[in-house]
Amino acid sequence: MSNASQLRDSTQIVLSREALEGLEQQLDDEFTVTVFPESENCCRIIGSPVEIKAASEFLARHGVSVR
């Protein structure tokens, strides 16, 4: 059975706003995700596990480290 943290990790990515700079529009156009401003320096990308995996791969191809 999945626990809450595993489910949360598969449905969101948390990044600094700086890391996402210049990629947000492309991310929004290519994937069914929501980019939510978490704080002044941080944002959260939320979507289905399939979309989050694809978005993670997209970000990695563009040099963004996703934890």
N, C-alpha and C. Protein backbone atom coordinates (compact mmCIF):
# COMPACT_ATOMS: atom_id res chain seq x y z
N MET A 1 0.84 -1.19 0.00
CA MET A 1 0.00 0.00 0.00
C MET A 1 0.88 1.25 0.00
N SER A 2 0.50 2.24 -0.74
CA SER A 2 1.25 3.50 -0.82
C SER A 2 1.02 4.34 0.42
N ASN A 3 2.06 5.06 0.80
CA ASN A 3 1.84 6.02 1.88
C ASN A 3 1.70 7.40 1.27
N ALA A 4 1.30 8.35 2.09
CA ALA A 4 1.00 9.70 1.58
C ALA A 4 2.20 10.36 0.92
N SER A 5 3.38 10.20 1.49
CA SER A 5 4.56 10.87 0.92
C SER A 5 4.92 10.30 -0.45
N GLN A 6 4.76 8.99 -0.65
CA GLN A 6 5.04 8.41 -1.96
C GLN A 6 4.05 8.93 -3.00
N LEU A 7 2.79 9.01 -2.64
CA LEU A 7 1.78 9.52 -3.56
C LEU A 7 2.04 10.99 -3.89
N ARG A 8 2.37 11.77 -2.88
CA ARG A 8 2.65 13.19 -3.09
C ARG A 8 3.86 13.37 -4.01
N ASP A 9 4.90 12.57 -3.80
CA ASP A 9 6.11 12.67 -4.63
C ASP A 9 5.82 12.33 -6.09
N SER A 10 4.84 11.48 -6.34
CA SER A 10 4.55 11.10 -7.72
C SER A 10 3.58 12.05 -8.41
N THR A 11 3.06 13.04 -7.67
CA THR A 11 2.09 13.96 -8.27
C THR A 11 2.53 15.41 -8.21
N GLN A 12 3.77 15.66 -7.77
CA GLN A 12 4.23 17.05 -7.71
C GLN A 12 5.75 17.14 -7.79
N ILE A 13 6.20 18.30 -8.23
CA ILE A 13 7.61 18.64 -8.26
C ILE A 13 7.71 20.01 -7.60
N VAL A 14 8.65 20.16 -6.68
CA VAL A 14 8.88 21.44 -6.04
C VAL A 14 10.24 21.95 -6.50
N LEU A 15 10.24 23.17 -7.05
CA LEU A 15 11.46 23.77 -7.60
C LEU A 15 11.57 25.22 -7.17
N SER A 16 12.78 25.73 -7.25
CA SER A 16 12.95 27.17 -7.07
C SER A 16 12.39 27.84 -8.33
N ARG A 17 11.90 29.03 -8.17
CA ARG A 17 11.37 29.77 -9.32
C ARG A 17 12.48 30.03 -10.33
N GLU A 18 13.68 30.22 -9.83
CA GLU A 18 14.83 30.46 -10.70
C GLU A 18 15.09 29.27 -11.62
N ALA A 19 14.94 28.05 -11.10
CA ALA A 19 15.18 26.85 -11.90
C ALA A 19 14.17 26.72 -13.03
N LEU A 20 12.97 27.20 -12.81
CA LEU A 20 11.90 27.08 -13.80
C LEU A 20 11.86 28.25 -14.78
N GLU A 21 12.65 29.26 -14.52
CA GLU A 21 12.65 30.47 -15.34
C GLU A 21 12.89 30.15 -16.82
N GLY A 22 12.00 30.63 -17.67
CA GLY A 22 12.12 30.43 -19.10
C GLY A 22 11.52 29.12 -19.60
N LEU A 23 11.11 28.25 -18.69
CA LEU A 23 10.55 26.95 -19.10
C LEU A 23 9.08 26.80 -18.75
N GLU A 24 8.56 27.71 -17.93
CA GLU A 24 7.20 27.56 -17.45
C GLU A 24 6.17 27.49 -18.57
N GLN A 25 6.26 28.35 -19.56
CA GLN A 25 5.29 28.35 -20.65
C GLN A 25 5.36 27.06 -21.47
N GLN A 26 6.57 26.62 -21.76
CA GLN A 26 6.75 25.37 -22.50
C GLN A 26 6.17 24.19 -21.72
N LEU A 27 6.43 24.18 -20.43
CA LEU A 27 5.92 23.12 -19.55
C LEU A 27 4.40 23.13 -19.57
N ASP A 28 3.82 24.31 -19.47
CA ASP A 28 2.37 24.45 -19.47
C ASP A 28 1.76 24.03 -20.81
N ASP A 29 2.45 24.34 -21.92
CA ASP A 29 1.95 23.99 -23.25
C ASP A 29 2.03 22.50 -23.55
N GLU A 30 3.08 21.84 -23.07
CA GLU A 30 3.32 20.44 -23.43
C GLU A 30 2.72 19.42 -22.48
N PHE A 31 2.43 19.81 -21.24
CA PHE A 31 1.97 18.85 -20.25
C PHE A 31 0.72 19.35 -19.54
N THR A 32 -0.08 18.42 -19.05
CA THR A 32 -1.27 18.77 -18.30
C THR A 32 -0.88 18.88 -16.83
N VAL A 33 -0.29 20.01 -16.50
CA VAL A 33 0.16 20.28 -15.13
C VAL A 33 -0.25 21.69 -14.74
N THR A 34 -0.22 21.94 -13.45
CA THR A 34 -0.48 23.27 -12.92
C THR A 34 0.78 23.73 -12.21
N VAL A 35 1.24 24.93 -12.54
CA VAL A 35 2.39 25.51 -11.85
C VAL A 35 1.83 26.49 -10.84
N PHE A 36 2.08 26.18 -9.57
CA PHE A 36 1.52 26.94 -8.47
C PHE A 36 2.64 27.65 -7.71
N PRO A 37 2.58 28.98 -7.58
CA PRO A 37 3.61 29.69 -6.82
C PRO A 37 3.47 29.36 -5.33
N GLU A 38 4.45 28.68 -4.79
CA GLU A 38 4.42 28.24 -3.39
C GLU A 38 4.85 29.37 -2.45
N SER A 39 5.87 30.07 -2.82
CA SER A 39 6.37 31.20 -2.04
C SER A 39 7.08 32.14 -3.00
N GLU A 40 7.75 33.11 -2.46
CA GLU A 40 8.47 34.07 -3.30
C GLU A 40 9.57 33.39 -4.11
N ASN A 41 10.18 32.35 -3.56
CA ASN A 41 11.32 31.71 -4.21
C ASN A 41 11.04 30.30 -4.72
N CYS A 42 9.86 29.79 -4.49
CA CYS A 42 9.58 28.38 -4.76
C CYS A 42 8.26 28.21 -5.50
N CYS A 43 8.17 27.19 -6.36
CA CYS A 43 6.91 26.87 -7.02
C CYS A 43 6.70 25.36 -7.00
N ARG A 44 5.46 24.97 -7.16
CA ARG A 44 5.07 23.58 -7.13
C ARG A 44 4.39 23.25 -8.45
N ILE A 45 4.82 22.17 -9.08
CA ILE A 45 4.21 21.69 -10.32
C ILE A 45 3.38 20.48 -9.93
N ILE A 46 2.09 20.53 -10.21
CA ILE A 46 1.17 19.49 -9.78
C ILE A 46 0.51 18.86 -11.00
N GLY A 47 0.41 17.52 -11.00
CA GLY A 47 -0.23 16.80 -12.09
C GLY A 47 -0.35 15.33 -11.77
N SER A 48 -0.85 14.58 -12.72
CA SER A 48 -0.98 13.14 -12.53
C SER A 48 0.42 12.51 -12.50
N PRO A 49 0.55 11.31 -11.95
CA PRO A 49 1.86 10.65 -11.94
C PRO A 49 2.49 10.54 -13.33
N VAL A 50 1.69 10.27 -14.34
CA VAL A 50 2.20 10.15 -15.71
C VAL A 50 2.72 11.50 -16.21
N GLU A 51 1.96 12.55 -15.98
CA GLU A 51 2.37 13.89 -16.42
C GLU A 51 3.59 14.38 -15.64
N ILE A 52 3.64 14.10 -14.35
CA ILE A 52 4.79 14.53 -13.53
C ILE A 52 6.05 13.81 -13.98
N LYS A 53 5.95 12.54 -14.31
CA LYS A 53 7.12 11.80 -14.79
C LYS A 53 7.62 12.42 -16.11
N ALA A 54 6.70 12.68 -17.02
CA ALA A 54 7.08 13.28 -18.31
C ALA A 54 7.65 14.69 -18.11
N ALA A 55 7.04 15.47 -17.22
CA ALA A 55 7.54 16.82 -16.95
C ALA A 55 8.92 16.76 -16.31
N SER A 56 9.16 15.79 -15.43
CA SER A 56 10.48 15.61 -14.81
C SER A 56 11.54 15.32 -15.86
N GLU A 57 11.20 14.46 -16.81
CA GLU A 57 12.13 14.13 -17.88
C GLU A 57 12.40 15.35 -18.76
N PHE A 58 11.36 16.12 -19.05
CA PHE A 58 11.51 17.36 -19.81
C PHE A 58 12.45 18.32 -19.09
N LEU A 59 12.22 18.52 -17.81
CA LEU A 59 13.06 19.42 -17.03
C LEU A 59 14.50 18.94 -16.98
N ALA A 60 14.70 17.64 -16.82
CA ALA A 60 16.06 17.08 -16.78
C ALA A 60 16.77 17.32 -18.11
N ARG A 61 16.05 17.17 -19.23
CA ARG A 61 16.65 17.43 -20.56
C ARG A 61 17.07 18.89 -20.71
N HIS A 62 16.42 19.77 -19.96
CA HIS A 62 16.75 21.19 -20.01
C HIS A 62 17.67 21.62 -18.86
N GLY A 63 18.29 20.64 -18.22
CA GLY A 63 19.31 20.93 -17.20
C GLY A 63 18.79 21.27 -15.82
N VAL A 64 17.50 20.99 -15.56
CA VAL A 64 16.93 21.27 -14.24
C VAL A 64 16.98 19.99 -13.42
N SER A 65 17.62 20.05 -12.28
CA SER A 65 17.73 18.90 -11.39
C SER A 65 16.44 18.76 -10.60
N VAL A 66 15.80 17.60 -10.74
CA VAL A 66 14.56 17.32 -10.04
C VAL A 66 14.86 16.27 -8.98
N ARG A 67 14.52 16.58 -7.74
CA ARG A 67 14.81 15.63 -6.67
C ARG A 67 13.76 14.59 -6.53
